[in-house]
Amino acid sequence: MKERWLPVGLVAGGLFLVNVIARLVVRFGAGDDDAKQITIGLWALFAVGAVMIPVAFWYGRRRPMLHVVGELGAAVVAACVLAVLIGPFVSGVGPFSNGVGLVFRQFFYFVGLSAIGAVVGLLLLMTLGLDYRSQSWKRYVDRVGTKPRKVIRRG
């Protein structure tokens, strides 16, 4: 159990940490400038997507695709719930202080950009032929051999 869910928790924690760092930069660095706050928030979302590229690449090498989608999806949703419900307290406001609409938008932006990053990482992995299924096919071909069976004709 630990081997399966510890990496999921670490990925969720890492994504949440990226969000917390961005919120701290906004709180202490941007001041009251709305343009800077929006710019930092967008860069943080892109950073979350960029973090998912190598994570999906690493994760996809070791597990079947169904496990990758499920476990990384769980990690992204957990990180998103933390970022949307606990993250605003780091900024000094409540999660619903700007309305429920903002909470849903943050959720969909976070999940959407994380999914895009994961898809890019997995597509890169498949393009290079390093994914779990390609490697299993390669091991199968190496084990069976490349010479075809001789056909014996009976006449």
Protein backbone atom coordinates (compact mmCIF):
# COMPACT_ATOMS: atom_id res chain seq x y z
CA MET A 1 0.00 0.00 0.00
CA LYS A 2 2.78 2.38 0.93
CA GLU A 3 4.59 1.84 -2.38
CA ARG A 4 1.48 2.75 -4.30
CA TRP A 5 0.13 5.77 -2.42
CA LEU A 6 3.32 7.41 -1.12
CA PRO A 7 4.28 8.69 -4.61
CA VAL A 8 0.71 9.95 -5.09
CA GLY A 9 0.93 11.87 -1.83
CA LEU A 10 4.34 13.28 -2.75
CA VAL A 11 3.06 14.49 -6.12
CA ALA A 12 0.02 16.10 -4.46
CA GLY A 13 2.26 17.72 -1.85
CA GLY A 14 4.63 19.04 -4.52
CA LEU A 15 1.82 20.57 -6.55
CA PHE A 16 0.35 22.13 -3.41
CA LEU A 17 3.81 23.47 -2.49
CA VAL A 18 4.07 25.21 -5.87
CA ASN A 19 0.72 26.87 -5.19
CA VAL A 20 1.72 27.92 -1.65
CA ILE A 21 4.98 29.45 -2.89
CA ALA A 22 3.10 31.43 -5.52
CA ARG A 23 0.60 32.65 -2.92
CA LEU A 24 3.43 33.76 -0.63
CA VAL A 25 5.09 35.62 -3.50
CA VAL A 26 1.78 37.34 -4.25
CA ARG A 27 1.21 38.21 -0.60
CA PHE A 28 4.65 39.63 0.16
CA GLY A 29 5.97 40.62 -3.26
CA ALA A 30 3.11 41.97 -5.33
CA GLY A 31 1.38 44.16 -2.76
CA ASP A 32 -1.92 45.61 -3.96
CA ASP A 33 -1.04 45.59 -7.67
CA ASP A 34 -3.74 43.48 -9.32
CA ALA A 35 -1.81 43.07 -12.57
CA LYS A 36 1.19 41.57 -10.74
CA GLN A 37 -1.06 39.28 -8.71
CA ILE A 38 -2.76 37.94 -11.83
CA THR A 39 0.57 37.50 -13.63
CA ILE A 40 2.08 35.58 -10.70
CA GLY A 41 -1.05 33.44 -10.42
CA LEU A 42 -0.90 32.54 -14.12
CA TRP A 43 2.79 31.68 -13.89
CA ALA A 44 2.02 29.48 -10.88
CA LEU A 45 -0.63 27.60 -12.85
CA PHE A 46 1.80 27.13 -15.73
CA ALA A 47 4.40 25.93 -13.22
CA VAL A 48 1.94 23.32 -11.96
CA GLY A 49 1.44 22.14 -15.55
CA ALA A 50 5.20 22.15 -16.13
CA VAL A 51 5.78 20.09 -12.98
CA MET A 52 3.34 17.49 -14.28
CA ILE A 53 5.37 16.88 -17.47
CA PRO A 54 8.37 15.15 -15.82
CA VAL A 55 6.14 13.58 -13.15
CA ALA A 56 3.95 11.92 -15.79
CA PHE A 57 7.07 10.91 -17.75
CA TRP A 58 8.60 9.29 -14.67
CA TYR A 59 5.38 7.71 -13.50
CA GLY A 60 4.44 6.34 -16.94
CA ARG A 61 7.69 4.42 -17.28
CA ARG A 62 6.95 2.26 -14.29
CA ARG A 63 3.22 1.60 -14.37
CA PRO A 64 0.47 0.64 -16.82
CA MET A 65 -1.45 3.57 -18.26
CA LEU A 66 -4.63 2.83 -16.32
CA HIS A 67 -2.72 3.09 -13.03
CA VAL A 68 -0.97 6.26 -14.19
CA VAL A 69 -4.23 8.00 -15.05
CA GLY A 70 -5.91 6.94 -11.82
CA GLU A 71 -3.06 7.70 -9.46
CA LEU A 72 -1.97 10.97 -11.04
CA GLY A 73 -5.62 12.01 -11.29
CA ALA A 74 -6.03 11.36 -7.57
CA ALA A 75 -2.87 13.34 -6.82
CA VAL A 76 -4.02 16.30 -8.94
CA VAL A 77 -7.49 16.36 -7.40
CA ALA A 78 -6.05 16.14 -3.88
CA ALA A 79 -3.57 18.94 -4.58
CA CYS A 80 -6.30 21.02 -6.16
CA VAL A 81 -8.63 20.63 -3.19
CA LEU A 82 -5.79 21.64 -0.89
CA ALA A 83 -4.84 24.59 -3.09
CA VAL A 84 -8.40 25.85 -3.40
CA LEU A 85 -9.57 25.31 0.18
CA ILE A 86 -6.39 25.75 2.27
CA GLY A 87 -4.26 27.87 -0.07
CA PRO A 88 -6.25 31.08 0.39
CA PHE A 89 -5.45 31.07 4.11
CA VAL A 90 -1.77 31.46 3.14
CA SER A 91 -2.77 34.60 1.25
CA GLY A 92 -4.62 35.94 4.27
CA VAL A 93 -8.19 35.47 2.99
CA GLY A 94 -10.83 32.77 3.21
CA PRO A 95 -11.48 30.31 0.39
CA PHE A 96 -14.98 31.61 -0.35
CA SER A 97 -14.31 35.31 0.29
CA ASN A 98 -14.47 36.15 -3.43
CA GLY A 99 -17.43 33.90 -4.15
CA VAL A 100 -18.03 30.31 -5.10
CA GLY A 101 -17.49 31.07 -8.79
CA LEU A 102 -13.81 31.85 -8.19
CA VAL A 103 -13.38 28.57 -6.30
CA PHE A 104 -14.79 26.60 -9.24
CA ARG A 105 -12.66 28.53 -11.75
CA GLN A 106 -9.52 27.88 -9.71
CA PHE A 107 -10.42 24.20 -9.52
CA PHE A 108 -10.96 23.86 -13.26
CA TYR A 109 -7.84 25.88 -14.18
CA PHE A 110 -5.70 23.82 -11.81
CA VAL A 111 -7.04 20.46 -12.99
CA GLY A 112 -7.02 21.53 -16.64
CA LEU A 113 -3.43 22.73 -16.73
CA SER A 114 -2.29 19.74 -14.69
CA ALA A 115 -4.01 17.42 -17.16
CA ILE A 116 -2.41 19.21 -20.10
CA GLY A 117 1.03 18.85 -18.49
CA ALA A 118 0.44 15.17 -17.77
CA VAL A 119 -0.74 14.49 -21.32
CA VAL A 120 2.33 16.23 -22.76
CA GLY A 121 4.60 14.15 -20.52
CA LEU A 122 2.85 10.91 -21.43
CA LEU A 123 2.84 11.70 -25.15
CA LEU A 124 6.56 12.43 -24.99
CA LEU A 125 7.07 9.14 -23.17
CA MET A 126 5.10 7.19 -25.78
CA THR A 127 6.84 8.96 -28.64
CA LEU A 128 10.21 7.85 -27.29
CA GLY A 129 8.91 4.31 -26.79
CA LEU A 130 9.73 4.27 -23.09
CA ASP A 131 6.24 3.71 -21.72
CA TYR A 132 5.28 0.59 -19.83
CA ARG A 133 3.52 -1.13 -22.73
CA SER A 134 6.28 -0.45 -25.28
CA GLN A 135 8.86 -1.79 -22.89
CA SER A 136 6.80 -4.94 -22.27
CA TRP A 137 6.50 -5.51 -26.02
CA LYS A 138 10.25 -5.04 -26.34
CA ARG A 139 10.92 -7.57 -23.58
CA TYR A 140 8.53 -10.01 -25.26
CA VAL A 141 10.29 -9.70 -28.62
CA ASP A 142 13.68 -10.14 -26.98
CA ARG A 143 12.49 -13.23 -25.13
CA VAL A 144 10.77 -14.94 -28.03
CA GLY A 145 13.37 -14.06 -30.62
CA THR A 146 13.06 -12.44 -33.99
CA LYS A 147 13.36 -15.50 -36.23
CA PRO A 148 10.05 -16.81 -37.48
CA ARG A 149 9.11 -20.44 -37.01
CA LYS A 150 10.00 -22.81 -39.82
CA VAL A 151 6.97 -24.12 -41.59
CA ILE A 152 7.11 -27.79 -42.51
CA ARG A 153 5.11 -28.78 -45.56
CA ARG A 154 3.76 -32.23 -45.77
CA GLY A 155 3.28 -33.34 -49.21
